[in-house]
Amino acid sequence: MRVRIRRELLEYLLQLARDFYPNEFAGFLRERDGIFEEVLIAPNPHFGNTSAFFDPWMLPYDESIKGTVHSHPGPNPWPSEADLEFFSKFGGVHLIIAYPFTEEDVRAYLSSGEPVGIEVVE
């Protein structure tokens, strides 16, 4: 399995990670025709240097949300125990963007924590 993401969105996510550094950021990914095309930042978030928190009840019901994204301010792109717990509640695909926030620092995981490939679509 491979995750498909628009280059424009990927570049925007990398910039968000840089802008929020040294804190994490988190969002939800909208998919259209099998390609992630937009990010939705949850209302009233708290982004700290070791975690990101938001109230999922504030999210609109949106069937196009098929994944999540968050950054790690350190160079570790692997999911933590807290990440895996979060993944299990939201399903779909989950992107982690690790420092220094380049395209090579992005990893995708299934809810189980199993890594999957990423295909960037122009």
PDB file of N, CA and C in Angstrom:
ATOM      1  N   MET A   1       0.848  -1.193   0.000  1.00  0.00           N
ATOM      2  CA  MET A   1       0.000   0.000   0.000  1.00  0.00           C
ATOM      3  C   MET A   1       0.883   1.242   0.000  1.00  0.00           C
ATOM      4  N   ARG A   2       0.429   2.249  -0.704  1.00  0.00           N
ATOM      5  CA  ARG A   2       1.113   3.538  -0.740  1.00  0.00           C
ATOM      6  C   ARG A   2       0.101   4.650  -0.492  1.00  0.00           C
ATOM      7  N   VAL A   3       0.508   5.638   0.259  1.00  0.00           N
ATOM      8  CA  VAL A   3      -0.284   6.834   0.495  1.00  0.00           C
ATOM      9  C   VAL A   3       0.022   7.800  -0.645  1.00  0.00           C
ATOM     10  N   ARG A   4      -1.018   8.406  -1.191  1.00  0.00           N
ATOM     11  CA  ARG A   4      -0.813   9.405  -2.246  1.00  0.00           C
ATOM     12  C   ARG A   4      -1.130  10.777  -1.682  1.00  0.00           C
ATOM     13  N   ILE A   5      -0.229  11.737  -1.901  1.00  0.00           N
ATOM     14  CA  ILE A   5      -0.386  13.092  -1.368  1.00  0.00           C
ATOM     15  C   ILE A   5       0.064  14.102  -2.421  1.00  0.00           C
ATOM     16  N   ARG A   6      -0.693  15.177  -2.555  1.00  0.00           N
ATOM     17  CA  ARG A   6      -0.329  16.255  -3.484  1.00  0.00           C
ATOM     18  C   ARG A   6       0.943  16.938  -2.996  1.00  0.00           C
ATOM     19  N   ARG A   7       1.820  17.240  -3.929  1.00  0.00           N
ATOM     20  CA  ARG A   7       3.071  17.920  -3.598  1.00  0.00           C
ATOM     21  C   ARG A   7       2.795  19.235  -2.875  1.00  0.00           C
ATOM     22  N   GLU A   8       1.820  19.992  -3.351  1.00  0.00           N
ATOM     23  CA  GLU A   8       1.498  21.274  -2.730  1.00  0.00           C
ATOM     24  C   GLU A   8       1.132  21.108  -1.256  1.00  0.00           C
ATOM     25  N   LEU A   9       0.343  20.076  -0.942  1.00  0.00           N
ATOM     26  CA  LEU A   9      -0.011  19.821   0.452  1.00  0.00           C
ATOM     27  C   LEU A   9       1.207  19.388   1.249  1.00  0.00           C
ATOM     28  N   LEU A  10       2.014  18.507   0.702  1.00  0.00           N
ATOM     29  CA  LEU A  10       3.214  18.053   1.408  1.00  0.00           C
ATOM     30  C   LEU A  10       4.127  19.234   1.731  1.00  0.00           C
ATOM     31  N   GLU A  11       4.335  20.119   0.780  1.00  0.00           N
ATOM     32  CA  GLU A  11       5.184  21.290   1.023  1.00  0.00           C
ATOM     33  C   GLU A  11       4.580  22.191   2.094  1.00  0.00           C
ATOM     34  N   TYR A  12       3.255  22.330   2.089  1.00  0.00           N
ATOM     35  CA  TYR A  12       2.586  23.127   3.111  1.00  0.00           C
ATOM     36  C   TYR A  12       2.756  22.497   4.497  1.00  0.00           C
ATOM     37  N   LEU A  13       2.611  21.172   4.593  1.00  0.00           N
ATOM     38  CA  LEU A  13       2.782  20.483   5.872  1.00  0.00           C
ATOM     39  C   LEU A  13       4.205  20.630   6.401  1.00  0.00           C
ATOM     40  N   LEU A  14       5.184  20.531   5.504  1.00  0.00           N
ATOM     41  CA  LEU A  14       6.584  20.724   5.912  1.00  0.00           C
ATOM     42  C   LEU A  14       6.784  22.140   6.451  1.00  0.00           C
ATOM     43  N   GLN A  15       6.174  23.126   5.801  1.00  0.00           N
ATOM     44  CA  GLN A  15       6.301  24.504   6.268  1.00  0.00           C
ATOM     45  C   GLN A  15       5.602  24.702   7.606  1.00  0.00           C
ATOM     46  N   LEU A  16       4.435  24.079   7.798  1.00  0.00           N
ATOM     47  CA  LEU A  16       3.765  24.153   9.101  1.00  0.00           C
ATOM     48  C   LEU A  16       4.659  23.593  10.204  1.00  0.00           C
ATOM     49  N   ALA A  17       5.293  22.452   9.938  1.00  0.00           N
ATOM     50  CA  ALA A  17       6.196  21.849  10.926  1.00  0.00           C
ATOM     51  C   ALA A  17       7.325  22.811  11.270  1.00  0.00           C
ATOM     52  N   ARG A  18       7.888  23.465  10.258  1.00  0.00           N
ATOM     53  CA  ARG A  18       8.970  24.441  10.506  1.00  0.00           C
ATOM     54  C   ARG A  18       8.453  25.635  11.296  1.00  0.00           C
ATOM     55  N   ASP A  19       7.263  26.122  10.943  1.00  0.00           N
ATOM     56  CA  ASP A  19       6.703  27.306  11.600  1.00  0.00           C
ATOM     57  C   ASP A  19       6.369  27.042  13.069  1.00  0.00           C
ATOM     58  N   PHE A  20       5.910  25.843  13.390  1.00  0.00           N
ATOM     59  CA  PHE A  20       5.537  25.524  14.769  1.00  0.00           C
ATOM     60  C   PHE A  20       6.735  25.100  15.619  1.00  0.00           C
ATOM     61  N   TYR A  21       7.839  24.732  14.996  1.00  0.00           N
ATOM     62  CA  TYR A  21       9.030  24.282  15.717  1.00  0.00           C
ATOM     63  C   TYR A  21       9.434  25.335  16.740  1.00  0.00           C
ATOM     64  N   PRO A  22       9.765  25.013  17.983  1.00  0.00           N
ATOM     65  CA  PRO A  22      10.086  23.690  18.515  1.00  0.00           C
ATOM     66  C   PRO A  22       8.882  22.907  19.026  1.00  0.00           C
ATOM     67  N   ASN A  23       7.669  23.390  18.751  1.00  0.00           N
ATOM     68  CA  ASN A  23       6.468  22.664  19.167  1.00  0.00           C
ATOM     69  C   ASN A  23       5.981  21.735  18.063  1.00  0.00           C
ATOM     70  N   GLU A  24       5.172  20.788  18.451  1.00  0.00           N
ATOM     71  CA  GLU A  24       4.505  19.927  17.490  1.00  0.00           C
ATOM     72  C   GLU A  24       3.302  20.664  16.913  1.00  0.00           C
ATOM     73  N   PHE A  25       2.844  20.202  15.764  1.00  0.00           N
ATOM     74  CA  PHE A  25       1.543  20.609  15.266  1.00  0.00           C
ATOM     75  C   PHE A  25       0.803  19.338  14.864  1.00  0.00           C
ATOM     76  N   ALA A  26      -0.511  19.422  14.730  1.00  0.00           N
ATOM     77  CA  ALA A  26      -1.306  18.258  14.327  1.00  0.00           C
ATOM     78  C   ALA A  26      -2.484  18.713  13.493  1.00  0.00           C
ATOM     79  N   GLY A  27      -2.921  17.831  12.612  1.00  0.00           N
ATOM     80  CA  GLY A  27      -4.071  18.135  11.773  1.00  0.00           C
ATOM     81  C   GLY A  27      -4.686  16.864  11.216  1.00  0.00           C
ATOM     82  N   PHE A  28      -5.766  17.051  10.510  1.00  0.00           N
ATOM     83  CA  PHE A  28      -6.486  15.957   9.872  1.00  0.00           C
ATOM     84  C   PHE A  28      -6.388  16.127   8.367  1.00  0.00           C
ATOM     85  N   LEU A  29      -6.232  15.013   7.669  1.00  0.00           N
ATOM     86  CA  LEU A  29      -6.015  15.042   6.226  1.00  0.00           C
ATOM     87  C   LEU A  29      -7.284  14.680   5.477  1.00  0.00           C
ATOM     88  N   ARG A  30      -7.622  15.543   4.528  1.00  0.00           N
ATOM     89  CA  ARG A  30      -8.770  15.286   3.654  1.00  0.00           C
ATOM     90  C   ARG A  30      -8.288  14.642   2.368  1.00  0.00           C
ATOM     91  N   GLU A  31      -9.052  13.647   1.935  1.00  0.00           N
ATOM     92  CA  GLU A  31      -8.700  12.897   0.738  1.00  0.00           C
ATOM     93  C   GLU A  31      -9.771  13.107  -0.327  1.00  0.00           C
ATOM     94  N   ARG A  32      -9.327  13.245  -1.555  1.00  0.00           N
ATOM     95  CA  ARG A  32     -10.238  13.315  -2.686  1.00  0.00           C
ATOM     96  C   ARG A  32      -9.701  12.414  -3.782  1.00  0.00           C
ATOM     97  N   ASP A  33     -10.516  11.493  -4.251  1.00  0.00           N
ATOM     98  CA  ASP A  33     -10.130  10.555  -5.313  1.00  0.00           C
ATOM     99  C   ASP A  33      -8.843   9.804  -4.978  1.00  0.00           C
ATOM    100  N   GLY A  34      -8.707   9.404  -3.701  1.00  0.00           N
ATOM    101  CA  GLY A  34      -7.558   8.599  -3.292  1.00  0.00           C
ATOM    102  C   GLY A  34      -6.274   9.376  -3.058  1.00  0.00           C
ATOM    103  N   ILE A  35      -6.358  10.706  -3.043  1.00  0.00           N
ATOM    104  CA  ILE A  35      -5.166  11.540  -2.857  1.00  0.00           C
ATOM    105  C   ILE A  35      -5.426  12.529  -1.723  1.00  0.00           C
ATOM    106  N   PHE A  36      -4.489  12.606  -0.768  1.00  0.00           N
ATOM    107  CA  PHE A  36      -4.595  13.630   0.275  1.00  0.00           C
ATOM    108  C   PHE A  36      -4.341  14.989  -0.362  1.00  0.00           C
ATOM    109  N   GLU A  37      -5.316  15.910  -0.137  1.00  0.00           N
ATOM    110  CA  GLU A  37      -5.240  17.212  -0.798  1.00  0.00           C
ATOM    111  C   GLU A  37      -5.333  18.401   0.148  1.00  0.00           C
ATOM    112  N   GLU A  38      -5.845  18.194   1.363  1.00  0.00           N
ATOM    113  CA  GLU A  38      -6.031  19.312   2.286  1.00  0.00           C
ATOM    114  C   GLU A  38      -5.755  18.878   3.714  1.00  0.00           C
ATOM    115  N   VAL A  39      -5.409  19.865   4.543  1.00  0.00           N
ATOM    116  CA  VAL A  39      -5.256  19.618   5.974  1.00  0.00           C
ATOM    117  C   VAL A  39      -6.256  20.495   6.714  1.00  0.00           C
ATOM    118  N   LEU A  40      -6.825  19.941   7.763  1.00  0.00           N
ATOM    119  CA  LEU A  40      -7.738  20.665   8.633  1.00  0.00           C
ATOM    120  C   LEU A  40      -7.105  20.715  10.014  1.00  0.00           C
ATOM    121  N   ILE A  41      -6.845  21.917  10.499  1.00  0.00           N
ATOM    122  CA  ILE A  41      -6.311  22.087  11.855  1.00  0.00           C
ATOM    123  C   ILE A  41      -7.510  22.206  12.793  1.00  0.00           C
ATOM    124  N   ALA A  42      -7.528  21.371  13.798  1.00  0.00           N
ATOM    125  CA  ALA A  42      -8.659  21.357  14.728  1.00  0.00           C
ATOM    126  C   ALA A  42      -8.753  22.679  15.471  1.00  0.00           C
ATOM    127  N   PRO A  43      -9.975  23.134  15.767  1.00  0.00           N
ATOM    128  CA  PRO A  43     -10.146  24.362  16.528  1.00  0.00           C
ATOM    129  C   PRO A  43      -9.604  24.230  17.956  1.00  0.00           C
ATOM    130  N   ASN A  44      -9.102  25.318  18.492  1.00  0.00           N
ATOM    131  CA  ASN A  44      -8.631  25.405  19.870  1.00  0.00           C
ATOM    132  C   ASN A  44      -7.558  24.370  20.216  1.00  0.00           C
ATOM    133  N   PRO A  45      -6.490  24.292  19.415  1.00  0.00           N
ATOM    134  CA  PRO A  45      -5.440  23.303  19.695  1.00  0.00           C
ATOM    135  C   PRO A  45      -4.452  23.804  20.750  1.00  0.00           C
ATOM    136  N   HIS A  46      -3.724  22.861  21.334  1.00  0.00           N
ATOM    137  CA  HIS A  46      -2.567  23.179  22.169  1.00  0.00           C
ATOM    138  C   HIS A  46      -1.401  22.378  21.601  1.00  0.00           C
ATOM    139  N   PHE A  47      -0.418  23.082  21.101  1.00  0.00           N
ATOM    140  CA  PHE A  47       0.743  22.435  20.511  1.00  0.00           C
ATOM    141  C   PHE A  47       1.957  22.722  21.385  1.00  0.00           C
ATOM    142  N   GLY A  48       2.458  21.691  22.061  1.00  0.00           N
ATOM    143  CA  GLY A  48       3.626  21.825  22.916  1.00  0.00           C
ATOM    144  C   GLY A  48       4.842  21.165  22.295  1.00  0.00           C
ATOM    145  N   ASN A  49       5.974  21.182  23.006  1.00  0.00           N
ATOM    146  CA  ASN A  49       7.199  20.616  22.432  1.00  0.00           C
ATOM    147  C   ASN A  49       7.295  19.103  22.607  1.00  0.00           C
ATOM    148  N   THR A  50       6.351  18.504  23.346  1.00  0.00           N
ATOM    149  CA  THR A  50       6.349  17.048  23.465  1.00  0.00           C
ATOM    150  C   THR A  50       5.012  16.428  23.090  1.00  0.00           C
ATOM    151  N   SER A  51       4.020  17.261  22.782  1.00  0.00           N
ATOM    152  CA  SER A  51       2.713  16.712  22.430  1.00  0.00           C
ATOM    153  C   SER A  51       1.861  17.762  21.734  1.00  0.00           C
ATOM    154  N   ALA A  52       0.816  17.271  21.110  1.00  0.00           N
ATOM    155  CA  ALA A  52      -0.205  18.137  20.518  1.00  0.00           C
ATOM    156  C   ALA A  52      -1.543  17.665  21.054  1.00  0.00           C
ATOM    157  N   PHE A  53      -2.389  18.601  21.420  1.00  0.00           N
ATOM    158  CA  PHE A  53      -3.699  18.245  21.965  1.00  0.00           C
ATOM    159  C   PHE A  53      -4.756  19.126  21.314  1.00  0.00           C
ATOM    160  N   PHE A  54      -5.895  18.527  21.039  1.00  0.00           N
ATOM    161  CA  PHE A  54      -7.051  19.262  20.542  1.00  0.00           C
ATOM    162  C   PHE A  54      -8.277  18.456  20.926  1.00  0.00           C
ATOM    163  N   ASP A  55      -9.412  19.102  20.893  1.00  0.00           N
ATOM    164  CA  ASP A  55     -10.661  18.441  21.248  1.00  0.00           C
ATOM    165  C   ASP A  55     -11.293  17.873  19.984  1.00  0.00           C
ATOM    166  N   PRO A  56     -11.282  16.550  19.804  1.00  0.00           N
ATOM    167  CA  PRO A  56     -11.854  15.972  18.585  1.00  0.00           C
ATOM    168  C   PRO A  56     -13.349  16.234  18.426  1.00  0.00           C
ATOM    169  N   TRP A  57     -14.024  16.582  19.521  1.00  0.00           N
ATOM    170  CA  TRP A  57     -15.450  16.895  19.439  1.00  0.00           C
ATOM    171  C   TRP A  57     -15.691  18.208  18.704  1.00  0.00           C
ATOM    172  N   MET A  58     -14.645  19.008  18.546  1.00  0.00           N
ATOM    173  CA  MET A  58     -14.765  20.278  17.831  1.00  0.00           C
ATOM    174  C   MET A  58     -14.684  20.091  16.314  1.00  0.00           C
ATOM    175  N   LEU A  59     -14.305  18.898  15.867  1.00  0.00           N
ATOM    176  CA  LEU A  59     -14.184  18.640  14.433  1.00  0.00           C
ATOM    177  C   LEU A  59     -15.557  18.465  13.791  1.00  0.00           C
ATOM    178  N   PRO A  60     -15.704  18.971  12.577  1.00  0.00           N
ATOM    179  CA  PRO A  60     -16.966  18.729  11.872  1.00  0.00           C
ATOM    180  C   PRO A  60     -17.029  17.285  11.394  1.00  0.00           C
ATOM    181  N   TYR A  61     -18.232  16.779  11.215  1.00  0.00           N
ATOM    182  CA  TYR A  61     -18.377  15.462  10.607  1.00  0.00           C
ATOM    183  C   TYR A  61     -17.992  15.618   9.140  1.00  0.00           C
ATOM    184  N   ASP A  62     -17.003  14.856   8.704  1.00  0.00           N
ATOM    185  CA  ASP A  62     -16.468  15.031   7.351  1.00  0.00           C
ATOM    186  C   ASP A  62     -15.938  13.689   6.865  1.00  0.00           C
ATOM    187  N   GLU A  63     -16.669  13.051   5.977  1.00  0.00           N
ATOM    188  CA  GLU A  63     -16.265  11.734   5.491  1.00  0.00           C
ATOM    189  C   GLU A  63     -15.008  11.772   4.627  1.00  0.00           C
ATOM    190  N   SER A  64     -14.574  12.963   4.218  1.00  0.00           N
ATOM    191  CA  SER A  64     -13.350  13.046   3.410  1.00  0.00           C
ATOM    192  C   SER A  64     -12.089  13.019   4.267  1.00  0.00           C
ATOM    193  N   ILE A  65     -12.225  13.112   5.599  1.00  0.00           N
ATOM    194  CA  ILE A  65     -11.060  13.016   6.481  1.00  0.00           C
ATOM    195  C   ILE A  65     -10.669  11.544   6.578  1.00  0.00           C
ATOM    196  N   LYS A  66      -9.486  11.229   6.064  1.00  0.00           N
ATOM    197  CA  LYS A  66      -9.034   9.838   5.985  1.00  0.00           C
ATOM    198  C   LYS A  66      -7.689   9.611   6.667  1.00  0.00           C
ATOM    199  N   GLY A  67      -7.179  10.642   7.359  1.00  0.00           N
ATOM    200  CA  GLY A  67      -5.897  10.477   8.019  1.00  0.00           C
ATOM    201  C   GLY A  67      -5.564  11.654   8.904  1.00  0.00           C
ATOM    202  N   THR A  68      -4.399  11.545   9.539  1.00  0.00           N
ATOM    203  CA  THR A  68      -3.902  12.615  10.405  1.00  0.00           C
ATOM    204  C   THR A  68      -2.456  12.912  10.050  1.00  0.00           C
ATOM    205  N   VAL A  69      -1.990  14.035  10.555  1.00  0.00           N
ATOM    206  CA  VAL A  69      -0.591  14.421  10.396  1.00  0.00           C
ATOM    207  C   VAL A  69      -0.157  15.110  11.676  1.00  0.00           C
ATOM    208  N   HIS A  70       1.074  14.851  12.088  1.00  0.00           N
ATOM    209  CA  HIS A  70       1.650  15.638  13.174  1.00  0.00           C
ATOM    210  C   HIS A  70       3.169  15.645  13.030  1.00  0.00           C
ATOM    211  N   SER A  71       3.771  16.612  13.675  1.00  0.00           N
ATOM    212  CA  SER A  71       5.229  16.745  13.592  1.00  0.00           C
ATOM    213  C   SER A  71       5.872  16.258  14.878  1.00  0.00           C
ATOM    214  N   HIS A  72       7.127  15.861  14.745  1.00  0.00           N
ATOM    215  CA  HIS A  72       7.995  15.547  15.884  1.00  0.00           C
ATOM    216  C   HIS A  72       9.147  16.542  15.846  1.00  0.00           C
ATOM    217  N   PRO A  73       9.326  17.346  16.885  1.00  0.00           N
ATOM    218  CA  PRO A  73      10.399  18.340  16.873  1.00  0.00           C
ATOM    219  C   PRO A  73      11.801  17.735  16.931  1.00  0.00           C
ATOM    220  N   GLY A  74      11.909  16.440  17.160  1.00  0.00           N
ATOM    221  CA  GLY A  74      13.196  15.746  17.127  1.00  0.00           C
ATOM    222  C   GLY A  74      13.315  14.935  15.850  1.00  0.00           C
ATOM    223  N   PRO A  75      14.456  14.286  15.656  1.00  0.00           N
ATOM    224  CA  PRO A  75      14.701  13.563  14.403  1.00  0.00           C
ATOM    225  C   PRO A  75      14.063  12.180  14.321  1.00  0.00           C
ATOM    226  N   ASN A  76      13.235  11.805  15.286  1.00  0.00           N
ATOM    227  CA  ASN A  76      12.627  10.475  15.337  1.00  0.00           C
ATOM    228  C   ASN A  76      11.293  10.464  14.582  1.00  0.00           C
ATOM    229  N   PRO A  77      11.217   9.798  13.419  1.00  0.00           N
ATOM    230  CA  PRO A  77       9.956   9.759  12.675  1.00  0.00           C
ATOM    231  C   PRO A  77       9.061   8.575  13.029  1.00  0.00           C
ATOM    232  N   TRP A  78       9.387   7.821  14.087  1.00  0.00           N
ATOM    233  CA  TRP A  78       8.632   6.632  14.444  1.00  0.00           C
ATOM    234  C   TRP A  78       7.560   6.976  15.461  1.00  0.00           C
ATOM    235  N   PRO A  79       6.426   6.284  15.406  1.00  0.00           N
ATOM    236  CA  PRO A  79       5.342   6.593  16.337  1.00  0.00           C
ATOM    237  C   PRO A  79       5.663   6.188  17.773  1.00  0.00           C
ATOM    238  N   SER A  80       5.317   7.062  18.685  1.00  0.00           N
ATOM    239  CA  SER A  80       5.452   6.771  20.115  1.00  0.00           C
ATOM    240  C   SER A  80       4.249   5.937  20.556  1.00  0.00           C
ATOM    241  N   GLU A  81       4.259   5.494  21.808  1.00  0.00           N
ATOM    242  CA  GLU A  81       3.103   4.773  22.354  1.00  0.00           C
ATOM    243  C   GLU A  81       1.859   5.665  22.318  1.00  0.00           C
ATOM    244  N   ALA A  82       2.037   6.949  22.636  1.00  0.00           N
ATOM    245  CA  ALA A  82       0.901   7.890  22.581  1.00  0.00           C
ATOM    246  C   ALA A  82       0.400   8.038  21.149  1.00  0.00           C
ATOM    247  N   ASP A  83       1.318   8.073  20.177  1.00  0.00           N
ATOM    248  CA  ASP A  83       0.915   8.151  18.772  1.00  0.00           C
ATOM    249  C   ASP A  83       0.088   6.931  18.383  1.00  0.00           C
ATOM    250  N   LEU A  84       0.553   5.750  18.766  1.00  0.00           N
ATOM    251  CA  LEU A  84      -0.160   4.523  18.415  1.00  0.00           C
ATOM    252  C   LEU A  84      -1.563   4.500  19.034  1.00  0.00           C
ATOM    253  N   GLU A  85      -1.679   5.004  20.251  1.00  0.00           N
ATOM    254  CA  GLU A  85      -2.986   5.101  20.904  1.00  0.00           C
ATOM    255  C   GLU A  85      -3.894   6.044  20.108  1.00  0.00           C
ATOM    256  N   PHE A  86      -3.344   7.189  19.706  1.00  0.00           N
ATOM    257  CA  PHE A  86      -4.086   8.157  18.899  1.00  0.00           C
ATOM    258  C   PHE A  86      -4.491   7.538  17.555  1.00  0.00           C
ATOM    259  N   PHE A  87      -3.546   6.872  16.881  1.00  0.00           N
ATOM    260  CA  PHE A  87      -3.821   6.228  15.591  1.00  0.00           C
ATOM    261  C   PHE A  87      -5.002   5.268  15.703  1.00  0.00           C
ATOM    262  N   SER A  88      -5.045   4.506  16.793  1.00  0.00           N
ATOM    263  CA  SER A  88      -6.086   3.486  16.954  1.00  0.00           C
ATOM    264  C   SER A  88      -7.480   4.101  17.067  1.00  0.00           C
ATOM    265  N   LYS A  89      -7.560   5.360  17.471  1.00  0.00           N
ATOM    266  CA  LYS A  89      -8.858   6.016  17.641  1.00  0.00           C
ATOM    267  C   LYS A  89      -9.349   6.687  16.371  1.00  0.00           C
ATOM    268  N   PHE A  90      -8.446   7.011  15.453  1.00  0.00           N
ATOM    269  CA  PHE A  90      -8.857   7.783  14.287  1.00  0.00           C
ATOM    270  C   PHE A  90      -8.800   7.019  12.976  1.00  0.00           C
ATOM    271  N   GLY A  91      -8.227   5.841  12.947  1.00  0.00           N
ATOM    272  CA  GLY A  91      -8.208   5.059  11.718  1.00  0.00           C
ATOM    273  C   GLY A  91      -7.473   5.759  10.588  1.00  0.00           C
ATOM    274  N   GLY A  92      -7.496   5.153   9.428  1.00  0.00           N
ATOM    275  CA  GLY A  92      -6.886   5.769   8.265  1.00  0.00           C
ATOM    276  C   GLY A  92      -5.372   5.694   8.263  1.00  0.00           C
ATOM    277  N   VAL A  93      -4.771   6.706   7.680  1.00  0.00           N
ATOM    278  CA  VAL A  93      -3.322   6.798   7.516  1.00  0.00           C
ATOM    279  C   VAL A  93      -2.825   7.972   8.338  1.00  0.00           C
ATOM    280  N   HIS A  94      -1.625   7.822   8.889  1.00  0.00           N
ATOM    281  CA  HIS A  94      -1.091   8.847   9.777  1.00  0.00           C
ATOM    282  C   HIS A  94       0.318   9.225   9.333  1.00  0.00           C
ATOM    283  N   LEU A  95       0.517  10.516   9.085  1.00  0.00           N
ATOM    284  CA  LEU A  95       1.837  11.012   8.698  1.00  0.00           C
ATOM    285  C   LEU A  95       2.537  11.594   9.910  1.00  0.00           C
ATOM    286  N   ILE A  96       3.823  11.305  10.033  1.00  0.00           N
ATOM    287  CA  ILE A  96       4.687  11.938  11.031  1.00  0.00           C
ATOM    288  C   ILE A  96       5.786  12.658  10.263  1.00  0.00           C
ATOM    289  N   ILE A  97       5.972  13.937  10.594  1.00  0.00           N
ATOM    290  CA  ILE A  97       7.016  14.744   9.974  1.00  0.00           C
ATOM    291  C   ILE A  97       8.041  15.057  11.057  1.00  0.00           C
ATOM    292  N   ALA A  98       9.247  14.519  10.912  1.00  0.00           N
ATOM    293  CA  ALA A  98      10.290  14.698  11.920  1.00  0.00           C
ATOM    294  C   ALA A  98      11.241  15.827  11.524  1.00  0.00           C
ATOM    295  N   TYR A  99      11.901  16.387  12.533  1.00  0.00           N
ATOM    296  CA  TYR A  99      12.924  17.412  12.323  1.00  0.00           C
ATOM    297  C   TYR A  99      14.060  16.812  11.498  1.00  0.00           C
ATOM    298  N   PRO A 100      14.624  17.476  10.522  1.00  0.00           N
ATOM    299  CA  PRO A 100      14.540  18.894  10.182  1.00  0.00           C
ATOM    300  C   PRO A 100      13.459  19.248   9.158  1.00  0.00           C
ATOM    301  N   PHE A 101      12.443  18.422   9.017  1.00  0.00           N
ATOM    302  CA  PHE A 101      11.250  18.739   8.240  1.00  0.00           C
ATOM    303  C   PHE A 101      11.512  18.883   6.743  1.00  0.00           C
ATOM    304  N   THR A 102      12.142  17.858   6.180  1.00  0.00           N
ATOM    305  CA  THR A 102      12.310  17.784   4.734  1.00  0.00           C
ATOM    306  C   THR A 102      11.446  16.627   4.227  1.00  0.00           C
ATOM    307  N   GLU A 103      11.316  16.509   2.939  1.00  0.00           N
ATOM    308  CA  GLU A 103      10.504  15.438   2.366  1.00  0.00           C
ATOM    309  C   GLU A 103      10.986  14.059   2.822  1.00  0.00           C
ATOM    310  N   GLU A 104      12.286  13.921   3.037  1.00  0.00           N
ATOM    311  CA  GLU A 104      12.858  12.645   3.482  1.00  0.00           C
ATOM    312  C   GLU A 104      12.522  12.327   4.939  1.00  0.00           C
ATOM    313  N   ASP A 105      12.006  13.296   5.673  1.00  0.00           N
ATOM    314  CA  ASP A 105      11.693  13.129   7.088  1.00  0.00           C
ATOM    315  C   ASP A 105      10.219  12.811   7.340  1.00  0.00           C
ATOM    316  N   VAL A 106       9.474  12.509   6.292  1.00  0.00           N
ATOM    317  CA  VAL A 106       8.048  12.208   6.406  1.00  0.00           C
ATOM    318  C   VAL A 106       7.847  10.698   6.319  1.00  0.00           C
ATOM    319  N   ARG A 107       7.084  10.153   7.251  1.00  0.00           N
ATOM    320  CA  ARG A 107       6.764   8.735   7.256  1.00  0.00           C
ATOM    321  C   ARG A 107       5.245   8.583   7.370  1.00  0.00           C
ATOM    322  N   ALA A 108       4.732   7.502   6.796  1.00  0.00           N
ATOM    323  CA  ALA A 108       3.301   7.206   6.853  1.00  0.00           C
ATOM    324  C   ALA A 108       3.094   5.860   7.540  1.00  0.00           C
ATOM    325  N   TYR A 109       2.024   5.789   8.331  1.00  0.00           N
ATOM    326  CA  TYR A 109       1.714   4.582   9.096  1.00  0.00           C
ATOM    327  C   TYR A 109       0.220   4.298   9.036  1.00  0.00           C
ATOM    328  N   LEU A 110      -0.114   3.020   9.091  1.00  0.00           N
ATOM    329  CA  LEU A 110      -1.502   2.603   9.276  1.00  0.00           C
ATOM    330  C   LEU A 110      -1.851   2.728  10.755  1.00  0.00           C
ATOM    331  N   SER A 111      -3.102   2.564  11.083  1.00  0.00           N
ATOM    332  CA  SER A 111      -3.529   2.652  12.484  1.00  0.00           C
ATOM    333  C   SER A 111      -2.818   1.651  13.376  1.00  0.00           C
ATOM    334  N   SER A 112      -2.401   0.536  12.805  1.00  0.00           N
ATOM    335  CA  SER A 112      -1.683  -0.497  13.557  1.00  0.00           C
ATOM    336  C   SER A 112      -0.238  -0.101  13.855  1.00  0.00           C
ATOM    337  N   GLY A 113       0.249   0.964  13.217  1.00  0.00           N
ATOM    338  CA  GLY A 113       1.645   1.358  13.359  1.00  0.00           C
ATOM    339  C   GLY A 113       2.524   0.816  12.246  1.00  0.00           C
ATOM    340  N   GLU A 114       1.938   0.010  11.348  1.00  0.00           N
ATOM    341  CA  GLU A 114       2.694  -0.539  10.219  1.00  0.00           C
ATOM    342  C   GLU A 114       3.049   0.572   9.228  1.00  0.00           C
ATOM    343  N   PRO A 115       4.344   0.682   8.862  1.00  0.00           N
ATOM    344  CA  PRO A 115       4.726   1.722   7.911  1.00  0.00           C
ATOM    345  C   PRO A 115       4.212   1.427   6.498  1.00  0.00           C
ATOM    346  N   VAL A 116       3.886   2.478   5.762  1.00  0.00           N
ATOM    347  CA  VAL A 116       3.470   2.355   4.368  1.00  0.00           C
ATOM    348  C   VAL A 116       4.226   3.400   3.548  1.00  0.00           C
ATOM    349  N   GLY A 117       4.339   3.163   2.267  1.00  0.00           N
ATOM    350  CA  GLY A 117       5.046   4.081   1.379  1.00  0.00           C
ATOM    351  C   GLY A 117       4.256   5.341   1.109  1.00  0.00           C
ATOM    352  N   ILE A 118       4.961   6.350   0.592  1.00  0.00           N
ATOM    353  CA  ILE A 118       4.350   7.622   0.237  1.00  0.00           C
ATOM    354  C   ILE A 118       4.659   7.917  -1.224  1.00  0.00           C
ATOM    355  N   GLU A 119       3.618   8.259  -1.964  1.00  0.00           N
ATOM    356  CA  GLU A 119       3.770   8.692  -3.349  1.00  0.00           C
ATOM    357  C   GLU A 119       3.341  10.154  -3.443  1.00  0.00           C
ATOM    358  N   VAL A 120       4.261  11.000  -3.906  1.00  0.00           N
ATOM    359  CA  VAL A 120       3.952  12.422  -4.064  1.00  0.00           C
ATOM    360  C   VAL A 120       3.415  12.618  -5.478  1.00  0.00           C
ATOM    361  N   VAL A 121       2.247  13.237  -5.553  1.00  0.00           N
ATOM    362  CA  VAL A 121       1.546  13.453  -6.822  1.00  0.00           C
ATOM    363  C   VAL A 121       1.591  14.928  -7.167  1.00  0.00           C
ATOM    364  N   GLU A 122       1.999  15.208  -8.402  1.00  0.00           N
ATOM    365  CA  GLU A 122       2.037  16.600  -8.853  1.00  0.00           C
ATOM    366  C   GLU A 122       0.614  17.044  -9.097  1.00  0.00           C
TER     367      GLU A 122
END
